[in-house]
Amino acid sequence: SSGINAEYGTAEEREDFSTWLEAGFTDSFREFYPEKTGAYTFWTYMGGARKKNVGWRIDYFVVSSRLMADVAASEIRESVLGSDHCPIMLLLANPAGEKEN
């Protein structure tokens, strides 16, 4: 289950997201954590949703296969407060186009 609602967004939005994945782009967080549950990036302010970790994962780094080869980490920073969203982080080990010395 992914929280308050098993599917976030409209059917069209979910279909569009799937189209990106089918075109060869990668959900970088899922690449590192394929089985992780309870990993959300948004919690409504109502009903103490964040404290109960009842939310949605609606913030993503979706990257090309070329860039995915350089992704060292993709994280959700759920402990960072101050918004109904939390930051997400993408760490590149060797950003595309940079040459190693």
N, C-alpha and C. Protein backbone atom coordinates (compact mmCIF):
# COMPACT_ATOMS: atom_id res chain seq x y z
N SER A 1 0.84 -1.18 0.00
CA SER A 1 0.00 0.00 0.00
C SER A 1 0.88 1.24 0.00
N SER A 2 0.42 2.28 -0.63
CA SER A 2 1.23 3.50 -0.68
C SER A 2 0.57 4.62 0.08
N GLY A 3 -0.08 4.31 1.18
CA GLY A 3 -0.56 5.36 2.07
C GLY A 3 -2.04 5.60 1.97
N ILE A 4 -2.39 6.88 1.98
CA ILE A 4 -3.77 7.30 2.03
C ILE A 4 -4.58 6.71 0.87
N ASN A 5 -3.99 6.68 -0.29
CA ASN A 5 -4.66 6.20 -1.48
C ASN A 5 -3.64 5.36 -2.25
N ALA A 6 -4.06 4.19 -2.71
CA ALA A 6 -3.12 3.30 -3.40
C ALA A 6 -2.57 3.93 -4.67
N GLU A 7 -3.29 4.86 -5.26
CA GLU A 7 -2.83 5.50 -6.47
C GLU A 7 -2.97 7.01 -6.33
N TYR A 8 -1.88 7.71 -6.49
CA TYR A 8 -1.91 9.16 -6.40
C TYR A 8 -1.98 9.73 -7.81
N GLY A 9 -2.74 10.77 -7.98
CA GLY A 9 -2.85 11.42 -9.27
C GLY A 9 -3.94 10.81 -10.13
N THR A 10 -4.13 11.42 -11.27
CA THR A 10 -5.16 10.94 -12.20
C THR A 10 -4.63 9.74 -12.98
N ALA A 11 -5.54 9.02 -13.59
CA ALA A 11 -5.14 7.89 -14.43
C ALA A 11 -4.21 8.37 -15.54
N GLU A 12 -4.50 9.54 -16.10
CA GLU A 12 -3.67 10.10 -17.17
C GLU A 12 -2.25 10.38 -16.67
N GLU A 13 -2.13 10.94 -15.46
CA GLU A 13 -0.81 11.23 -14.89
C GLU A 13 -0.02 9.95 -14.66
N ARG A 14 -0.68 8.93 -14.13
CA ARG A 14 0.00 7.65 -13.90
C ARG A 14 0.41 7.01 -15.22
N GLU A 15 -0.43 7.11 -16.22
CA GLU A 15 -0.10 6.57 -17.54
C GLU A 15 1.09 7.31 -18.14
N ASP A 16 1.11 8.64 -18.01
CA ASP A 16 2.23 9.42 -18.53
C ASP A 16 3.54 9.03 -17.83
N PHE A 17 3.48 8.82 -16.53
CA PHE A 17 4.67 8.41 -15.79
C PHE A 17 5.15 7.05 -16.29
N SER A 18 4.23 6.13 -16.48
CA SER A 18 4.58 4.80 -17.00
C SER A 18 5.22 4.90 -18.38
N THR A 19 4.75 5.84 -19.19
CA THR A 19 5.32 6.03 -20.53
C THR A 19 6.80 6.39 -20.44
N TRP A 20 7.17 7.25 -19.49
CA TRP A 20 8.58 7.60 -19.29
C TRP A 20 9.38 6.35 -18.94
N LEU A 21 8.86 5.54 -18.04
CA LEU A 21 9.58 4.33 -17.63
C LEU A 21 9.70 3.35 -18.79
N GLU A 22 8.64 3.20 -19.56
CA GLU A 22 8.67 2.30 -20.72
C GLU A 22 9.63 2.79 -21.79
N ALA A 23 9.89 4.10 -21.82
CA ALA A 23 10.80 4.68 -22.81
C ALA A 23 12.27 4.51 -22.39
N GLY A 24 12.50 3.89 -21.24
CA GLY A 24 13.87 3.62 -20.82
C GLY A 24 14.39 4.48 -19.69
N PHE A 25 13.55 5.36 -19.17
CA PHE A 25 13.96 6.15 -18.02
C PHE A 25 13.79 5.33 -16.75
N THR A 26 14.54 5.68 -15.71
CA THR A 26 14.56 4.90 -14.49
C THR A 26 14.17 5.75 -13.29
N ASP A 27 13.32 5.21 -12.45
CA ASP A 27 13.01 5.80 -11.15
C ASP A 27 14.23 5.49 -10.27
N SER A 28 15.07 6.49 -10.06
CA SER A 28 16.36 6.24 -9.40
C SER A 28 16.21 5.71 -7.98
N PHE A 29 15.24 6.19 -7.23
CA PHE A 29 15.06 5.70 -5.86
C PHE A 29 14.71 4.20 -5.87
N ARG A 30 13.80 3.80 -6.75
CA ARG A 30 13.40 2.38 -6.85
C ARG A 30 14.54 1.50 -7.31
N GLU A 31 15.44 2.06 -8.10
CA GLU A 31 16.61 1.29 -8.54
C GLU A 31 17.45 0.87 -7.34
N PHE A 32 17.59 1.76 -6.37
CA PHE A 32 18.38 1.46 -5.17
C PHE A 32 17.56 0.72 -4.10
N TYR A 33 16.28 0.95 -4.05
CA TYR A 33 15.42 0.38 -2.99
C TYR A 33 14.16 -0.26 -3.59
N PRO A 34 14.31 -1.32 -4.35
CA PRO A 34 13.16 -1.90 -5.06
C PRO A 34 12.06 -2.45 -4.14
N GLU A 35 12.40 -2.85 -2.95
CA GLU A 35 11.42 -3.47 -2.05
C GLU A 35 10.98 -2.56 -0.90
N LYS A 36 11.55 -1.37 -0.80
CA LYS A 36 11.27 -0.49 0.34
C LYS A 36 9.81 -0.03 0.34
N THR A 37 9.18 -0.14 1.48
CA THR A 37 7.81 0.34 1.64
C THR A 37 7.81 1.53 2.60
N GLY A 38 6.75 2.29 2.60
CA GLY A 38 6.63 3.43 3.52
C GLY A 38 7.57 4.57 3.19
N ALA A 39 8.05 4.64 1.96
CA ALA A 39 8.97 5.70 1.54
C ALA A 39 8.16 6.79 0.84
N TYR A 40 7.78 7.80 1.58
CA TYR A 40 6.92 8.86 1.04
C TYR A 40 7.66 10.18 1.01
N THR A 41 7.17 11.08 0.14
CA THR A 41 7.75 12.41 0.02
C THR A 41 6.72 13.50 0.30
N PHE A 42 5.48 13.13 0.53
CA PHE A 42 4.41 14.09 0.79
C PHE A 42 3.45 13.50 1.81
N TRP A 43 3.05 14.34 2.76
CA TRP A 43 2.06 13.97 3.76
C TRP A 43 1.11 15.14 3.92
N THR A 44 -0.18 14.88 3.89
CA THR A 44 -1.13 15.96 4.13
C THR A 44 -0.96 16.46 5.56
N TYR A 45 -1.30 17.71 5.78
CA TYR A 45 -1.23 18.27 7.13
C TYR A 45 -2.36 17.76 8.01
N MET A 46 -3.37 17.16 7.41
CA MET A 46 -4.55 16.71 8.17
C MET A 46 -4.30 15.39 8.88
N GLY A 47 -4.84 15.27 10.07
CA GLY A 47 -4.88 14.01 10.78
C GLY A 47 -3.54 13.45 11.24
N GLY A 48 -2.52 14.29 11.32
CA GLY A 48 -1.22 13.79 11.75
C GLY A 48 -0.61 12.78 10.80
N ALA A 49 -0.87 12.94 9.51
CA ALA A 49 -0.42 11.96 8.52
C ALA A 49 1.09 11.73 8.53
N ARG A 50 1.85 12.80 8.70
CA ARG A 50 3.31 12.63 8.66
C ARG A 50 3.79 11.83 9.87
N LYS A 51 3.28 12.15 11.04
CA LYS A 51 3.67 11.43 12.25
C LYS A 51 3.33 9.94 12.13
N LYS A 52 2.22 9.63 11.45
CA LYS A 52 1.80 8.24 11.24
C LYS A 52 2.43 7.62 9.99
N ASN A 53 3.18 8.44 9.24
CA ASN A 53 3.76 8.04 7.95
C ASN A 53 2.71 7.48 6.99
N VAL A 54 1.66 8.26 6.85
CA VAL A 54 0.61 7.95 5.88
C VAL A 54 0.71 9.01 4.79
N GLY A 55 1.30 8.66 3.68
CA GLY A 55 1.54 9.67 2.66
C GLY A 55 1.61 9.10 1.27
N TRP A 56 2.20 9.87 0.38
CA TRP A 56 2.39 9.48 -1.01
C TRP A 56 3.82 9.78 -1.41
N ARG A 57 4.31 9.04 -2.34
CA ARG A 57 5.61 9.35 -2.94
C ARG A 57 5.31 10.02 -4.28
N ILE A 58 5.45 11.34 -4.29
CA ILE A 58 5.09 12.09 -5.50
C ILE A 58 6.26 12.92 -6.04
N ASP A 59 7.41 12.81 -5.43
CA ASP A 59 8.60 13.53 -5.90
C ASP A 59 9.63 12.50 -6.34
N TYR A 60 10.13 12.66 -7.55
CA TYR A 60 10.99 11.64 -8.16
C TYR A 60 12.18 12.26 -8.86
N PHE A 61 13.26 11.50 -8.96
CA PHE A 61 14.31 11.75 -9.93
C PHE A 61 14.19 10.61 -10.93
N VAL A 62 13.71 10.90 -12.11
CA VAL A 62 13.59 9.92 -13.19
C VAL A 62 14.70 10.26 -14.18
N VAL A 63 15.62 9.34 -14.38
CA VAL A 63 16.81 9.62 -15.16
C VAL A 63 16.98 8.66 -16.33
N SER A 64 17.73 9.10 -17.32
CA SER A 64 18.03 8.26 -18.47
C SER A 64 18.97 7.13 -18.05
N SER A 65 19.02 6.08 -18.86
CA SER A 65 19.92 4.97 -18.54
C SER A 65 21.38 5.45 -18.57
N ARG A 66 21.69 6.38 -19.44
CA ARG A 66 23.05 6.93 -19.51
C ARG A 66 23.42 7.62 -18.19
N LEU A 67 22.50 8.40 -17.66
CA LEU A 67 22.78 9.10 -16.40
C LEU A 67 22.71 8.14 -15.21
N MET A 68 21.83 7.14 -15.27
CA MET A 68 21.70 6.20 -14.15
C MET A 68 23.02 5.51 -13.84
N ALA A 69 23.82 5.30 -14.85
CA ALA A 69 25.13 4.68 -14.65
C ALA A 69 26.02 5.51 -13.73
N ASP A 70 25.76 6.81 -13.61
CA ASP A 70 26.55 7.69 -12.77
C ASP A 70 25.88 8.05 -11.45
N VAL A 71 24.70 7.50 -11.20
CA VAL A 71 24.00 7.80 -9.95
C VAL A 71 24.60 6.97 -8.82
N ALA A 72 25.12 7.64 -7.81
CA ALA A 72 25.73 6.97 -6.66
C ALA A 72 24.71 6.76 -5.55
N ALA A 73 23.69 7.63 -5.47
CA ALA A 73 22.68 7.51 -4.43
C ALA A 73 21.44 8.30 -4.83
N SER A 74 20.31 7.81 -4.38
CA SER A 74 19.03 8.50 -4.54
C SER A 74 18.28 8.31 -3.23
N GLU A 75 18.05 9.39 -2.53
CA GLU A 75 17.52 9.30 -1.17
C GLU A 75 16.28 10.17 -0.97
N ILE A 76 15.48 9.75 -0.02
CA ILE A 76 14.35 10.55 0.46
C ILE A 76 14.74 11.02 1.85
N ARG A 77 14.71 12.31 2.09
CA ARG A 77 15.11 12.90 3.37
C ARG A 77 13.88 13.20 4.22
N GLU A 78 13.20 12.13 4.62
CA GLU A 78 11.93 12.26 5.34
C GLU A 78 12.05 12.93 6.70
N SER A 79 13.24 12.97 7.26
CA SER A 79 13.41 13.59 8.58
C SER A 79 13.52 15.12 8.50
N VAL A 80 13.64 15.67 7.29
CA VAL A 80 13.72 17.12 7.13
C VAL A 80 12.30 17.68 7.15
N LEU A 81 12.03 18.52 8.15
CA LEU A 81 10.70 19.09 8.33
C LEU A 81 10.64 20.50 7.76
N GLY A 82 9.42 21.07 7.73
CA GLY A 82 9.25 22.44 7.29
C GLY A 82 8.26 22.59 6.15
N SER A 83 7.75 21.49 5.65
CA SER A 83 6.83 21.52 4.53
C SER A 83 6.00 20.24 4.57
N ASP A 84 4.98 20.18 3.71
CA ASP A 84 4.23 18.93 3.58
C ASP A 84 4.98 17.95 2.67
N HIS A 85 6.05 18.42 2.04
CA HIS A 85 6.96 17.57 1.26
C HIS A 85 8.28 17.48 2.02
N CYS A 86 9.07 16.47 1.68
CA CYS A 86 10.44 16.44 2.18
C CYS A 86 11.37 16.48 0.97
N PRO A 87 12.61 16.88 1.18
CA PRO A 87 13.56 16.92 0.07
C PRO A 87 13.92 15.51 -0.41
N ILE A 88 14.25 15.43 -1.67
CA ILE A 88 14.84 14.22 -2.22
C ILE A 88 16.24 14.59 -2.71
N MET A 89 17.13 13.61 -2.78
CA MET A 89 18.52 13.89 -3.10
C MET A 89 19.01 12.89 -4.14
N LEU A 90 19.72 13.40 -5.12
CA LEU A 90 20.36 12.56 -6.13
C LEU A 90 21.84 12.90 -6.12
N LEU A 91 22.68 11.90 -5.88
CA LEU A 91 24.12 12.11 -5.84
C LEU A 91 24.74 11.44 -7.07
N LEU A 92 25.45 12.25 -7.85
CA LEU A 92 26.12 11.73 -9.04
C LEU A 92 27.59 11.48 -8.71
N ALA A 93 28.06 10.28 -9.00
CA ALA A 93 29.45 9.92 -8.72
C ALA A 93 30.37 10.54 -9.76
N ASN A 94 29.93 10.56 -10.99
CA ASN A 94 30.71 11.11 -12.09
C ASN A 94 29.71 11.73 -13.05
N PRO A 95 29.32 12.97 -12.83
CA PRO A 95 28.30 13.57 -13.67
C PRO A 95 28.59 13.40 -15.15
N ALA A 96 27.56 13.12 -15.91
CA ALA A 96 27.71 12.90 -17.35
C ALA A 96 28.47 14.05 -17.98
N GLY A 97 29.43 13.72 -18.79
CA GLY A 97 30.20 14.74 -19.48
C GLY A 97 31.49 15.14 -18.79
N GLU A 98 31.61 14.84 -17.50
CA GLU A 98 32.86 15.17 -16.80
C GLU A 98 33.85 14.03 -17.00
N LYS A 99 35.07 14.38 -17.26
CA LYS A 99 36.13 13.38 -17.46
C LYS A 99 36.91 13.23 -16.17
N GLU A 100 37.23 11.99 -15.86
CA GLU A 100 38.08 11.73 -14.69
C GLU A 100 39.52 12.01 -15.07
N ASN A 101 40.29 12.52 -14.12
CA ASN A 101 41.72 12.79 -14.35
C ASN A 101 42.54 11.56 -14.14
